[in-house]
Amino acid sequence: MDFLSDTTKKDRRNLLAAGFAGIIVAQLRVYPTEMDVVGLKFQSQDLPLIAVGGGLCAAIIYFLIKFYSSFLYEQSSAITKALAIQIREGKTAMDIAREEEALNEQARVFIQQRQVIQTQQENEERRIKSLQDKIGQDDIAHEASLKITDQKRSDLEQALVKEDYTPHGILLDRGRIEKEILSCPT
């Protein structure tokens, strides 16, 4: 349950930014020796560190206090609202715990169903892939069979043309020749 308001989230962001700036300044030891905005020039090397470090520390402490107080206020408000709803609806803590448990059980069932559906989809995808592979293999085998049949037909036609073959005076019909070739086992 996210009970933080936009203001508290902005306070958290400002606290993180100030802390990050403080870490960068402390690690890199980068601080100005002259401030043009105010018109100050520092004579000692330690004064800029004290001014910048003190300012950053003050900003960090301010944002920390502001964020922490907003956080505590909003958390207590959320708890108060939840208790007011319990009292208004006449629910006890055990009723709420049972409702949460039932919701968690429903979520678990939904997750299991999703996993079952996902597994079924993966199995079907594998089945489709294997069927596509089988169709591809059957296509290749069929193409090879057609090439063999075409070769046999052309061989037979060449043999008939060469020898002018007409057994027992019967003229052979081209359609009949094709039927005979196709009926032969390969």
C-alpha atoms as a PDB file:
ATOM      1  CA  MET A   1       0.000   0.000   0.000  1.00  0.00           C
ATOM      2  CA  ASP A   2       1.505   3.306  -1.106  1.00  0.00           C
ATOM      3  CA  PHE A   3       0.293   6.009   1.236  1.00  0.00           C
ATOM      4  CA  LEU A   4       2.869   8.679   0.313  1.00  0.00           C
ATOM      5  CA  SER A   5       1.519  11.847  -1.244  1.00  0.00           C
ATOM      6  CA  ASP A   6       3.194  13.693  -4.100  1.00  0.00           C
ATOM      7  CA  THR A   7       4.590  16.261  -1.657  1.00  0.00           C
ATOM      8  CA  THR A   8       6.261  13.587   0.459  1.00  0.00           C
ATOM      9  CA  LYS A   9       7.660  11.938  -2.645  1.00  0.00           C
ATOM     10  CA  LYS A  10       9.126  15.294  -3.693  1.00  0.00           C
ATOM     11  CA  ASP A  11      10.630  15.704  -0.214  1.00  0.00           C
ATOM     12  CA  ARG A  12      12.212  12.265  -0.568  1.00  0.00           C
ATOM     13  CA  ARG A  13      13.595  13.221  -3.994  1.00  0.00           C
ATOM     14  CA  ASN A  14      15.050  16.487  -2.595  1.00  0.00           C
ATOM     15  CA  LEU A  15      16.633  14.602   0.312  1.00  0.00           C
ATOM     16  CA  LEU A  16      18.258  12.143  -2.085  1.00  0.00           C
ATOM     17  CA  ALA A  17      19.507  14.966  -4.335  1.00  0.00           C
ATOM     18  CA  ALA A  18      20.985  16.912  -1.411  1.00  0.00           C
ATOM     19  CA  GLY A  19      22.629  13.772  -0.030  1.00  0.00           C
ATOM     20  CA  PHE A  20      24.075  12.934  -3.442  1.00  0.00           C
ATOM     21  CA  ALA A  21      25.429  16.466  -3.822  1.00  0.00           C
ATOM     22  CA  GLY A  22      26.984  16.212  -0.353  1.00  0.00           C
ATOM     23  CA  ILE A  23      28.664  12.920  -1.224  1.00  0.00           C
ATOM     24  CA  ILE A  24      30.029  14.317  -4.497  1.00  0.00           C
ATOM     25  CA  VAL A  25      31.412  17.433  -2.805  1.00  0.00           C
ATOM     26  CA  ALA A  26      32.944  15.380   0.017  1.00  0.00           C
ATOM     27  CA  GLN A  27      34.541  12.831  -2.320  1.00  0.00           C
ATOM     28  CA  LEU A  28      35.826  15.261  -4.952  1.00  0.00           C
ATOM     29  CA  ARG A  29      36.663  18.059  -2.476  1.00  0.00           C
ATOM     30  CA  VAL A  30      35.291  20.621  -4.900  1.00  0.00           C
ATOM     31  CA  TYR A  31      34.297  23.882  -3.228  1.00  0.00           C
ATOM     32  CA  PRO A  32      34.511  27.426  -4.433  1.00  0.00           C
ATOM     33  CA  THR A  33      37.130  29.854  -3.153  1.00  0.00           C
ATOM     34  CA  GLU A  34      35.090  32.851  -4.264  1.00  0.00           C
ATOM     35  CA  MET A  35      31.319  33.447  -4.254  1.00  0.00           C
ATOM     36  CA  ASP A  36      30.305  36.044  -6.823  1.00  0.00           C
ATOM     37  CA  VAL A  37      26.638  36.071  -5.858  1.00  0.00           C
ATOM     38  CA  VAL A  38      27.280  37.391  -2.392  1.00  0.00           C
ATOM     39  CA  GLY A  39      30.588  39.026  -3.248  1.00  0.00           C
ATOM     40  CA  LEU A  40      32.644  37.055  -0.736  1.00  0.00           C
ATOM     41  CA  LYS A  41      36.235  36.058  -1.184  1.00  0.00           C
ATOM     42  CA  PHE A  42      37.738  33.559   1.234  1.00  0.00           C
ATOM     43  CA  GLN A  43      41.257  34.031   2.518  1.00  0.00           C
ATOM     44  CA  SER A  44      41.663  30.586   4.096  1.00  0.00           C
ATOM     45  CA  GLN A  45      41.387  27.270   2.284  1.00  0.00           C
ATOM     46  CA  ASP A  46      39.215  25.824   5.055  1.00  0.00           C
ATOM     47  CA  LEU A  47      36.519  28.494   4.918  1.00  0.00           C
ATOM     48  CA  PRO A  48      34.979  27.297   1.609  1.00  0.00           C
ATOM     49  CA  LEU A  49      34.823  23.773   3.005  1.00  0.00           C
ATOM     50  CA  ILE A  50      33.062  24.999   6.108  1.00  0.00           C
ATOM     51  CA  ALA A  51      30.639  27.190   4.129  1.00  0.00           C
ATOM     52  CA  VAL A  52      29.765  24.614   1.451  1.00  0.00           C
ATOM     53  CA  GLY A  53      29.854  21.639   3.811  1.00  0.00           C
ATOM     54  CA  GLY A  54      27.803  23.445   6.432  1.00  0.00           C
ATOM     55  CA  GLY A  55      25.264  24.564   3.850  1.00  0.00           C
ATOM     56  CA  LEU A  56      24.920  21.050   2.450  1.00  0.00           C
ATOM     57  CA  CYS A  57      24.638  19.572   5.929  1.00  0.00           C
ATOM     58  CA  ALA A  58      21.929  22.092   6.801  1.00  0.00           C
ATOM     59  CA  ALA A  59      20.034  21.295   3.588  1.00  0.00           C
ATOM     60  CA  ILE A  60      20.307  17.562   4.186  1.00  0.00           C
ATOM     61  CA  ILE A  61      19.125  17.873   7.777  1.00  0.00           C
ATOM     62  CA  TYR A  62      16.231  20.137   6.712  1.00  0.00           C
ATOM     63  CA  PHE A  63      15.061  17.738   3.993  1.00  0.00           C
ATOM     64  CA  LEU A  64      15.510  14.758   6.330  1.00  0.00           C
ATOM     65  CA  ILE A  65      13.344  16.319   9.037  1.00  0.00           C
ATOM     66  CA  LYS A  66      10.748  17.452   6.486  1.00  0.00           C
ATOM     67  CA  PHE A  67      10.559  14.043   4.800  1.00  0.00           C
ATOM     68  CA  TYR A  68      10.496  12.115   8.076  1.00  0.00           C
ATOM     69  CA  SER A  69       7.717  14.266   9.543  1.00  0.00           C
ATOM     70  CA  SER A  70       5.635  14.014   6.339  1.00  0.00           C
ATOM     71  CA  PHE A  71       6.220  10.280   6.230  1.00  0.00           C
ATOM     72  CA  LEU A  72       5.133   9.767   9.851  1.00  0.00           C
ATOM     73  CA  TYR A  73       2.065  11.988   9.392  1.00  0.00           C
ATOM     74  CA  GLU A  74       0.918  10.168   6.251  1.00  0.00           C
ATOM     75  CA  GLN A  75       1.579   6.748   7.727  1.00  0.00           C
ATOM     76  CA  SER A  76      -0.439   7.574  10.837  1.00  0.00           C
ATOM     77  CA  SER A  77      -3.220   9.014   8.642  1.00  0.00           C
ATOM     78  CA  ALA A  78      -3.311   5.812   6.577  1.00  0.00           C
ATOM     79  CA  ILE A  79      -3.499   3.663   9.723  1.00  0.00           C
ATOM     80  CA  THR A  80      -6.217   5.909  11.167  1.00  0.00           C
ATOM     81  CA  LYS A  81      -8.256   5.677   7.958  1.00  0.00           C
ATOM     82  CA  ALA A  82      -7.876   1.901   7.890  1.00  0.00           C
ATOM     83  CA  LEU A  83      -9.035   1.637  11.511  1.00  0.00           C
ATOM     84  CA  ALA A  84     -11.980   3.988  10.810  1.00  0.00           C
ATOM     85  CA  ILE A  85     -13.039   1.764   7.899  1.00  0.00           C
ATOM     86  CA  GLN A  86     -12.765  -1.293  10.137  1.00  0.00           C
ATOM     87  CA  ILE A  87     -14.929   0.304  12.788  1.00  0.00           C
ATOM     88  CA  ARG A  88     -17.489   1.621  10.280  1.00  0.00           C
ATOM     89  CA  GLU A  89     -17.785  -1.764   8.522  1.00  0.00           C
ATOM     90  CA  GLY A  90     -17.682  -3.668  11.785  1.00  0.00           C
ATOM     91  CA  LYS A  91     -14.737  -5.780  10.780  1.00  0.00           C
ATOM     92  CA  THR A  92     -12.205  -7.176  13.163  1.00  0.00           C
ATOM     93  CA  ALA A  93      -8.549  -7.648  12.480  1.00  0.00           C
ATOM     94  CA  MET A  94      -9.221 -11.376  12.005  1.00  0.00           C
ATOM     95  CA  ASP A  95     -11.847 -10.620   9.322  1.00  0.00           C
ATOM     96  CA  ILE A  96      -9.409  -8.433   7.462  1.00  0.00           C
ATOM     97  CA  ALA A  97      -6.682 -11.076   7.796  1.00  0.00           C
ATOM     98  CA  ARG A  98      -9.093 -13.705   6.386  1.00  0.00           C
ATOM     99  CA  GLU A  99      -9.980 -11.414   3.466  1.00  0.00           C
ATOM    100  CA  GLU A 100      -6.303 -10.788   2.758  1.00  0.00           C
ATOM    101  CA  GLU A 101      -5.611 -14.527   2.954  1.00  0.00           C
ATOM    102  CA  ALA A 102      -8.477 -15.230   0.534  1.00  0.00           C
ATOM    103  CA  LEU A 103      -7.130 -12.580  -1.859  1.00  0.00           C
ATOM    104  CA  ASN A 104      -3.645 -14.062  -1.614  1.00  0.00           C
ATOM    105  CA  GLU A 105      -5.074 -17.523  -2.339  1.00  0.00           C
ATOM    106  CA  GLN A 106      -6.925 -16.168  -5.384  1.00  0.00           C
ATOM    107  CA  ALA A 107      -3.721 -14.525  -6.593  1.00  0.00           C
ATOM    108  CA  ARG A 108      -1.862 -17.821  -6.135  1.00  0.00           C
ATOM    109  CA  VAL A 109      -4.556 -19.679  -8.110  1.00  0.00           C
ATOM    110  CA  PHE A 110      -4.401 -17.083 -10.887  1.00  0.00           C
ATOM    111  CA  ILE A 111      -0.614 -17.414 -11.042  1.00  0.00           C
ATOM    112  CA  GLN A 112      -0.902 -21.204 -11.270  1.00  0.00           C
ATOM    113  CA  GLN A 113      -3.533 -20.906 -14.012  1.00  0.00           C
ATOM    114  CA  ARG A 114      -1.325 -18.500 -15.920  1.00  0.00           C
ATOM    115  CA  GLN A 115       1.585 -20.943 -15.634  1.00  0.00           C
ATOM    116  CA  VAL A 116      -0.604 -23.811 -16.889  1.00  0.00           C
ATOM    117  CA  ILE A 117      -1.802 -21.712 -19.829  1.00  0.00           C
ATOM    118  CA  GLN A 118       1.751 -20.641 -20.598  1.00  0.00           C
ATOM    119  CA  THR A 119       2.914 -24.277 -20.514  1.00  0.00           C
ATOM    120  CA  GLN A 120       0.052 -25.265 -22.832  1.00  0.00           C
ATOM    121  CA  GLN A 121       0.957 -22.473 -25.230  1.00  0.00           C
ATOM    122  CA  GLU A 122       4.602 -23.560 -25.257  1.00  0.00           C
ATOM    123  CA  ASN A 123       3.557 -27.184 -25.915  1.00  0.00           C
ATOM    124  CA  GLU A 124       1.291 -26.091 -28.768  1.00  0.00           C
ATOM    125  CA  GLU A 125       4.069 -23.953 -30.239  1.00  0.00           C
ATOM    126  CA  ARG A 126       6.421 -26.956 -30.140  1.00  0.00           C
ATOM    127  CA  ARG A 127       3.713 -29.139 -31.721  1.00  0.00           C
ATOM    128  CA  ILE A 128       3.122 -26.591 -34.490  1.00  0.00           C
ATOM    129  CA  LYS A 129       6.868 -26.364 -35.093  1.00  0.00           C
ATOM    130  CA  SER A 130       7.169 -30.152 -35.367  1.00  0.00           C
ATOM    131  CA  LEU A 131       4.193 -30.272 -37.751  1.00  0.00           C
ATOM    132  CA  GLN A 132       5.755 -27.533 -39.874  1.00  0.00           C
ATOM    133  CA  ASP A 133       9.025 -29.476 -39.955  1.00  0.00           C
ATOM    134  CA  LYS A 134       7.150 -32.657 -40.970  1.00  0.00           C
ATOM    135  CA  ILE A 135       5.301 -30.764 -43.717  1.00  0.00           C
ATOM    136  CA  GLY A 136       8.628 -29.410 -44.964  1.00  0.00           C
ATOM    137  CA  GLN A 137      10.118 -32.912 -45.030  1.00  0.00           C
ATOM    138  CA  ASP A 138       7.024 -34.284 -46.791  1.00  0.00           C
ATOM    139  CA  ASP A 139       7.266 -31.477 -49.368  1.00  0.00           C
ATOM    140  CA  ILE A 140      10.898 -32.348 -50.039  1.00  0.00           C
ATOM    141  CA  ALA A 141      10.033 -36.061 -50.380  1.00  0.00           C
ATOM    142  CA  HIS A 142       7.114 -35.247 -52.683  1.00  0.00           C
ATOM    143  CA  GLU A 143       9.316 -33.048 -54.876  1.00  0.00           C
ATOM    144  CA  ALA A 144      11.863 -35.874 -55.125  1.00  0.00           C
ATOM    145  CA  SER A 145       9.091 -38.327 -56.037  1.00  0.00           C
ATOM    146  CA  LEU A 146       7.821 -35.950 -58.743  1.00  0.00           C
ATOM    147  CA  LYS A 147      11.330 -35.644 -60.194  1.00  0.00           C
ATOM    148  CA  ILE A 148      11.667 -39.419 -60.332  1.00  0.00           C
ATOM    149  CA  THR A 149       8.233 -39.743 -61.963  1.00  0.00           C
ATOM    150  CA  ASP A 150       9.059 -37.033 -64.502  1.00  0.00           C
ATOM    151  CA  GLN A 151      12.337 -38.792 -65.299  1.00  0.00           C
ATOM    152  CA  LYS A 152      10.539 -42.111 -65.798  1.00  0.00           C
ATOM    153  CA  ARG A 153       7.958 -40.469 -68.064  1.00  0.00           C
ATOM    154  CA  SER A 154      10.593 -38.779 -70.192  1.00  0.00           C
ATOM    155  CA  ASP A 155      12.568 -42.059 -70.416  1.00  0.00           C
ATOM    156  CA  LEU A 156       9.444 -43.925 -71.497  1.00  0.00           C
ATOM    157  CA  GLU A 157       8.482 -41.280 -74.049  1.00  0.00           C
ATOM    158  CA  GLN A 158      12.001 -41.327 -75.500  1.00  0.00           C
ATOM    159  CA  ALA A 159      11.950 -45.112 -75.715  1.00  0.00           C
ATOM    160  CA  LEU A 160       8.572 -45.070 -77.456  1.00  0.00           C
ATOM    161  CA  VAL A 161       9.694 -42.419 -79.928  1.00  0.00           C
ATOM    162  CA  LYS A 162      12.981 -44.222 -80.702  1.00  0.00           C
ATOM    163  CA  GLU A 163      11.518 -47.603 -81.398  1.00  0.00           C
ATOM    164  CA  ASP A 164       8.126 -46.480 -82.654  1.00  0.00           C
ATOM    165  CA  TYR A 165       6.721 -48.984 -80.240  1.00  0.00           C
ATOM    166  CA  THR A 166       3.183 -50.083 -80.863  1.00  0.00           C
ATOM    167  CA  PRO A 167       2.622 -53.539 -79.392  1.00  0.00           C
ATOM    168  CA  HIS A 168       0.237 -55.749 -81.345  1.00  0.00           C
ATOM    169  CA  GLY A 169      -0.723 -52.861 -83.572  1.00  0.00           C
ATOM    170  CA  ILE A 170      -2.324 -50.855 -80.734  1.00  0.00           C
ATOM    171  CA  LEU A 171      -1.661 -47.158 -80.753  1.00  0.00           C
ATOM    172  CA  LEU A 172      -0.734 -45.893 -77.339  1.00  0.00           C
ATOM    173  CA  ASP A 173      -2.574 -42.901 -75.984  1.00  0.00           C
ATOM    174  CA  ARG A 174      -0.450 -40.259 -74.226  1.00  0.00           C
ATOM    175  CA  GLY A 175      -2.964 -39.957 -71.369  1.00  0.00           C
ATOM    176  CA  ARG A 176      -2.882 -43.728 -70.920  1.00  0.00           C
ATOM    177  CA  ILE A 177       0.926 -43.655 -70.755  1.00  0.00           C
ATOM    178  CA  GLU A 178       0.807 -41.056 -67.991  1.00  0.00           C
ATOM    179  CA  LYS A 179      -1.714 -43.141 -66.047  1.00  0.00           C
ATOM    180  CA  GLU A 180       0.502 -46.201 -66.397  1.00  0.00           C
ATOM    181  CA  ILE A 181       3.547 -44.273 -65.210  1.00  0.00           C
ATOM    182  CA  LEU A 182       1.727 -42.809 -62.252  1.00  0.00           C
ATOM    183  CA  SER A 183       0.310 -46.176 -61.242  1.00  0.00           C
ATOM    184  CA  CYS A 184       3.794 -47.734 -61.088  1.00  0.00           C
ATOM    185  CA  PRO A 185       5.190 -47.960 -57.548  1.00  0.00           C
ATOM    186  CA  THR A 186       8.289 -45.867 -56.990  1.00  0.00           C
END
